[in-house]
Each structure stands twice: as C-alpha cells, then as structure tokens.
C-alpha cells in the first residue's frame, strides 16, 4: 500500500514537473513576443514622430506658396496646441512663439503693460491673460 502511494506521488510529481516545463516554455515564448512587440512599437512611434514633423514642414512650406484666400497662420486649435507644446524645444535659440491678438486686444494690452511693470517693480506677481491683468491672483 505504501509503495502504491509513493508510486502515485511520484507520478503526480513527474506530471506537475512536465506541466511546469511546458508553462516555462510558453512563458519564454510570450516574453520574446512581448519584446518584439515593444521594439516594433518603439519603431512605429519614432516613424510616427518623423512623419508628423515632416507633415508640419510640408504644411508650412505649402502655406508659403498658397496663393488662394488668406488663412490663419495656425489652421486649427489642435495644431496650435501641438506647436505650443513643442515650443520648449526652441529654448536657447533665436526663435520664439507668441500669440497673435486682434488690434483691439493689443491696444488694451498696451494700456496694461505699464501697470504690470510697476506692480512687478513693487515685488508683486503680475501677469496678463489675453487682455486681463492679474496682480497677486486678483483681477485688476
């Protein structure tokens, strides 16, 4: 009876070891597939970035030769946000990004610049959002 139990335990042990080996092989195969997928995804992301940059370059160049109706310099909000988010790459260069406002807003901003400068000289935190001046977080 004891020999039968030992034989049964030995059989189940051999079975579980064979299952472990098959699972280990499957795990290695899946790990290899995940690594290849990661490398493919990195490659696709870099290609996507290059294509997006070339698209922006083509759009910029095509606007130069566009003789039709006038269009805004930044065609839509999503492209404007993309350009602004990439603006930090211009830091340290001779180029920069500024918003373009209508004439009325620029005139109101010109009136608020001296006030902003005075408040900053006094050590207060002053900043303009479009044509609204905030001093220490309070509306001026």
C-alpha atoms as a PDB file:
ATOM      1  CA  UNK A   1       0.000   0.000   0.000  1.00  0.00           C
ATOM      2  CA  UNK A   2       2.817   2.399   0.876  1.00  0.00           C
ATOM      3  CA  UNK A   3       4.618   1.559  -2.356  1.00  0.00           C
ATOM      4  CA  UNK A   4       1.458   2.351  -4.319  1.00  0.00           C
ATOM      5  CA  UNK A   5       1.137   5.766  -2.633  1.00  0.00           C
ATOM      6  CA  UNK A   6       4.804   6.548  -3.310  1.00  0.00           C
ATOM      7  CA  UNK A   7       4.354   5.482  -6.932  1.00  0.00           C
ATOM      8  CA  UNK A   8       1.226   7.657  -7.199  1.00  0.00           C
ATOM      9  CA  UNK A   9       3.028  10.642  -5.664  1.00  0.00           C
ATOM     10  CA  UNK A  10       5.999  10.088  -7.972  1.00  0.00           C
ATOM     11  CA  UNK A  11       3.650  10.022 -10.972  1.00  0.00           C
ATOM     12  CA  UNK A  12       1.900  13.238  -9.934  1.00  0.00           C
ATOM     13  CA  UNK A  13       5.272  14.882  -9.268  1.00  0.00           C
ATOM     14  CA  UNK A  14       6.519  13.934 -12.734  1.00  0.00           C
ATOM     15  CA  UNK A  15       3.270  15.202 -14.257  1.00  0.00           C
ATOM     16  CA  UNK A  16       3.493  18.552 -12.424  1.00  0.00           C
ATOM     17  CA  UNK A  17       7.157  18.918 -13.429  1.00  0.00           C
ATOM     18  CA  UNK A  18       6.286  18.309 -17.063  1.00  0.00           C
ATOM     19  CA  UNK A  19       3.471  20.893 -16.771  1.00  0.00           C
ATOM     20  CA  UNK A  20       5.913  23.375 -15.229  1.00  0.00           C
ATOM     21  CA  UNK A  21       8.350  22.822 -18.087  1.00  0.00           C
ATOM     22  CA  UNK A  22       5.653  23.395 -20.711  1.00  0.00           C
ATOM     23  CA  UNK A  23       4.470  26.542 -18.902  1.00  0.00           C
ATOM     24  CA  UNK A  24       8.059  27.767 -18.660  1.00  0.00           C
ATOM     25  CA  UNK A  25       8.497  27.254 -22.401  1.00  0.00           C
ATOM     26  CA  UNK A  26       5.252  29.099 -23.129  1.00  0.00           C
ATOM     27  CA  UNK A  27       6.306  31.915 -20.793  1.00  0.00           C
ATOM     28  CA  UNK A  28       9.639  32.303 -22.614  1.00  0.00           C
ATOM     29  CA  UNK A  29       7.862  32.362 -25.967  1.00  0.00           C
ATOM     30  CA  UNK A  30       5.400  35.008 -24.753  1.00  0.00           C
ATOM     31  CA  UNK A  31       8.217  37.080 -23.257  1.00  0.00           C
ATOM     32  CA  UNK A  32      10.035  37.001 -26.590  1.00  0.00           C
ATOM     33  CA  UNK A  33       6.847  38.078 -28.384  1.00  0.00           C
ATOM     34  CA  UNK A  34       6.349  40.967 -25.931  1.00  0.00           C
ATOM     35  CA  UNK A  35       9.937  42.121 -26.511  1.00  0.00           C
ATOM     36  CA  UNK A  36       9.470  42.083 -30.278  1.00  0.00           C
ATOM     37  CA  UNK A  37       6.175  43.949 -29.927  1.00  0.00           C
ATOM     38  CA  UNK A  38       7.860  46.563 -27.720  1.00  0.00           C
ATOM     39  CA  UNK A  39      10.652  47.063 -30.232  1.00  0.00           C
ATOM     40  CA  UNK A  40       8.126  47.280 -33.085  1.00  0.00           C
ATOM     41  CA  UNK A  41       6.085  49.815 -31.114  1.00  0.00           C
ATOM     42  CA  UNK A  42       9.176  51.939 -30.436  1.00  0.00           C
ATOM     43  CA  UNK A  43       9.990  51.833 -34.144  1.00  0.00           C
ATOM     44  CA  UNK A  44       6.434  52.837 -35.067  1.00  0.00           C
ATOM     45  CA  UNK A  45       6.431  55.684 -32.544  1.00  0.00           C
ATOM     46  CA  UNK A  46       9.665  57.085 -33.940  1.00  0.00           C
ATOM     47  CA  UNK A  47       8.340  56.765 -37.504  1.00  0.00           C
ATOM     48  CA  UNK A  48       5.129  58.497 -36.425  1.00  0.00           C
ATOM     49  CA  UNK A  49       7.104  61.374 -34.882  1.00  0.00           C
ATOM     50  CA  UNK A  50       9.211  61.758 -38.030  1.00  0.00           C
ATOM     51  CA  UNK A  51       6.113  61.702 -40.235  1.00  0.00           C
ATOM     52  CA  UNK A  52       4.342  64.266 -38.042  1.00  0.00           C
ATOM     53  CA  UNK A  53       7.363  66.581 -38.212  1.00  0.00           C
ATOM     54  CA  UNK A  54       7.596  66.192 -41.974  1.00  0.00           C
ATOM     55  CA  UNK A  55       3.865  66.858 -42.270  1.00  0.00           C
ATOM     56  CA  UNK A  56       4.267  70.083 -40.299  1.00  0.00           C
ATOM     57  CA  UNK A  57       7.184  71.022 -42.530  1.00  0.00           C
ATOM     58  CA  UNK A  58       5.159  70.307 -45.677  1.00  0.00           C
ATOM     59  CA  UNK A  59       2.184  72.276 -44.341  1.00  0.00           C
ATOM     60  CA  UNK A  60       4.422  75.208 -43.505  1.00  0.00           C
ATOM     61  CA  UNK A  61       6.053  75.151 -46.925  1.00  0.00           C
ATOM     62  CA  UNK A  62       2.730  74.764 -48.754  1.00  0.00           C
ATOM     63  CA  UNK A  63       1.303  77.783 -46.955  1.00  0.00           C
ATOM     64  CA  UNK A  64       4.127  79.843 -48.449  1.00  0.00           C
ATOM     65  CA  UNK A  65       3.032  79.009 -51.994  1.00  0.00           C
ATOM     66  CA  UNK A  66      -0.705  79.132 -51.336  1.00  0.00           C
ATOM     67  CA  UNK A  67      -1.988  81.985 -53.474  1.00  0.00           C
ATOM     68  CA  UNK A  68      -5.657  81.446 -52.642  1.00  0.00           C
ATOM     69  CA  UNK A  69      -7.636  83.011 -49.834  1.00  0.00           C
ATOM     70  CA  UNK A  70      -5.741  84.074 -46.748  1.00  0.00           C
ATOM     71  CA  UNK A  71      -5.702  81.566 -43.938  1.00  0.00           C
ATOM     72  CA  UNK A  72      -4.712  81.920 -40.318  1.00  0.00           C
ATOM     73  CA  UNK A  73      -1.104  81.097 -39.513  1.00  0.00           C
ATOM     74  CA  UNK A  74      -2.218  78.271 -37.216  1.00  0.00           C
ATOM     75  CA  UNK A  75      -5.069  76.462 -39.004  1.00  0.00           C
ATOM     76  CA  UNK A  76      -6.790  74.792 -36.053  1.00  0.00           C
ATOM     77  CA  UNK A  77      -6.635  74.505 -32.283  1.00  0.00           C
ATOM     78  CA  UNK A  78      -5.133  71.014 -32.199  1.00  0.00           C
ATOM     79  CA  UNK A  79      -2.205  72.089 -34.379  1.00  0.00           C
ATOM     80  CA  UNK A  80      -1.825  75.263 -32.323  1.00  0.00           C
ATOM     81  CA  UNK A  81      -1.638  73.202 -29.127  1.00  0.00           C
ATOM     82  CA  UNK A  82       0.900  70.861 -30.734  1.00  0.00           C
ATOM     83  CA  UNK A  83       3.074  73.801 -31.767  1.00  0.00           C
ATOM     84  CA  UNK A  84       2.849  75.374 -28.304  1.00  0.00           C
ATOM     85  CA  UNK A  85       3.712  72.090 -26.596  1.00  0.00           C
ATOM     86  CA  UNK A  86       6.801  71.734 -28.794  1.00  0.00           C
ATOM     87  CA  UNK A  87       7.814  75.369 -28.136  1.00  0.00           C
ATOM     88  CA  UNK A  88      10.119  74.385 -25.271  1.00  0.00           C
ATOM     89  CA  UNK A  89      12.467  72.923 -27.891  1.00  0.00           C
ATOM     90  CA  UNK A  90      13.107  76.495 -29.092  1.00  0.00           C
ATOM     91  CA  UNK A  91      14.552  77.491 -25.715  1.00  0.00           C
ATOM     92  CA  UNK A  92      18.029  78.917 -26.145  1.00  0.00           C
ATOM     93  CA  UNK A  93      17.567  79.550 -29.868  1.00  0.00           C
ATOM     94  CA  UNK A  94      16.858  82.822 -31.637  1.00  0.00           C
ATOM     95  CA  UNK A  95      13.252  81.784 -32.293  1.00  0.00           C
ATOM     96  CA  UNK A  96      10.173  82.040 -30.079  1.00  0.00           C
ATOM     97  CA  UNK A  97       6.394  81.677 -30.049  1.00  0.00           C
ATOM     98  CA  UNK A  98       3.893  84.436 -29.313  1.00  0.00           C
ATOM     99  CA  UNK A  99       0.137  84.598 -29.550  1.00  0.00           C
ATOM    100  CA  UNK A 100      -1.307  86.935 -32.145  1.00  0.00           C
ATOM    101  CA  UNK A 101      -4.215  89.023 -30.907  1.00  0.00           C
ATOM    102  CA  UNK A 102      -6.616  91.305 -32.766  1.00  0.00           C
ATOM    103  CA  UNK A 103      -5.841  95.028 -32.830  1.00  0.00           C
ATOM    104  CA  UNK A 104      -8.420  95.873 -30.107  1.00  0.00           C
ATOM    105  CA  UNK A 105      -6.918  93.398 -27.642  1.00  0.00           C
ATOM    106  CA  UNK A 106      -3.382  94.605 -28.424  1.00  0.00           C
ATOM    107  CA  UNK A 107      -4.458  98.195 -27.671  1.00  0.00           C
ATOM    108  CA  UNK A 108      -5.917  97.129 -24.296  1.00  0.00           C
ATOM    109  CA  UNK A 109      -2.739  95.167 -23.519  1.00  0.00           C
ATOM    110  CA  UNK A 110      -0.571  98.211 -24.329  1.00  0.00           C
ATOM    111  CA  UNK A 111      -2.507 100.199 -21.721  1.00  0.00           C
ATOM    112  CA  UNK A 112      -1.953  97.474 -19.109  1.00  0.00           C
ATOM    113  CA  UNK A 113       1.805  96.953 -19.698  1.00  0.00           C
ATOM    114  CA  UNK A 114       2.926  99.991 -17.628  1.00  0.00           C
ATOM    115  CA  UNK A 115       0.711  98.921 -14.712  1.00  0.00           C
ATOM    116  CA  UNK A 116       2.100  95.393 -14.910  1.00  0.00           C
ATOM    117  CA  UNK A 117       5.673  96.703 -14.937  1.00  0.00           C
ATOM    118  CA  UNK A 118       5.033  98.968 -11.905  1.00  0.00           C
ATOM    119  CA  UNK A 119       3.496  96.128  -9.914  1.00  0.00           C
ATOM    120  CA  UNK A 120       6.405  93.824 -10.712  1.00  0.00           C
ATOM    121  CA  UNK A 121       8.882  96.503  -9.600  1.00  0.00           C
ATOM    122  CA  UNK A 122       6.999  96.642  -6.288  1.00  0.00           C
ATOM    123  CA  UNK A 123       7.587  92.904  -5.908  1.00  0.00           C
ATOM    124  CA  UNK A 124       4.063  91.775  -6.726  1.00  0.00           C
ATOM    125  CA  UNK A 125       3.203  88.938  -9.055  1.00  0.00           C
ATOM    126  CA  UNK A 126       1.531  90.448 -12.134  1.00  0.00           C
ATOM    127  CA  UNK A 127       0.629  88.718 -15.384  1.00  0.00           C
ATOM    128  CA  UNK A 128      -1.608  89.236 -18.408  1.00  0.00           C
ATOM    129  CA  UNK A 129      -4.040  86.685 -19.759  1.00  0.00           C
ATOM    130  CA  UNK A 130      -5.155  87.932 -23.170  1.00  0.00           C
ATOM    131  CA  UNK A 131      -6.314  91.450 -22.128  1.00  0.00           C
ATOM    132  CA  UNK A 132      -6.931  90.902 -18.399  1.00  0.00           C
ATOM    133  CA  UNK A 133      -4.325  91.859 -15.787  1.00  0.00           C
ATOM    134  CA  UNK A 134      -3.987  89.806 -12.609  1.00  0.00           C
ATOM    135  CA  UNK A 135      -2.000  91.134  -9.653  1.00  0.00           C
ATOM    136  CA  UNK A 136      -1.222  88.594  -6.900  1.00  0.00           C
ATOM    137  CA  UNK A 137      -4.022  86.399  -8.238  1.00  0.00           C
ATOM    138  CA  UNK A 138      -6.607  89.210  -8.063  1.00  0.00           C
ATOM    139  CA  UNK A 139      -8.302  90.747 -11.108  1.00  0.00           C
ATOM    140  CA  UNK A 140      -7.060  94.313 -11.721  1.00  0.00           C
END
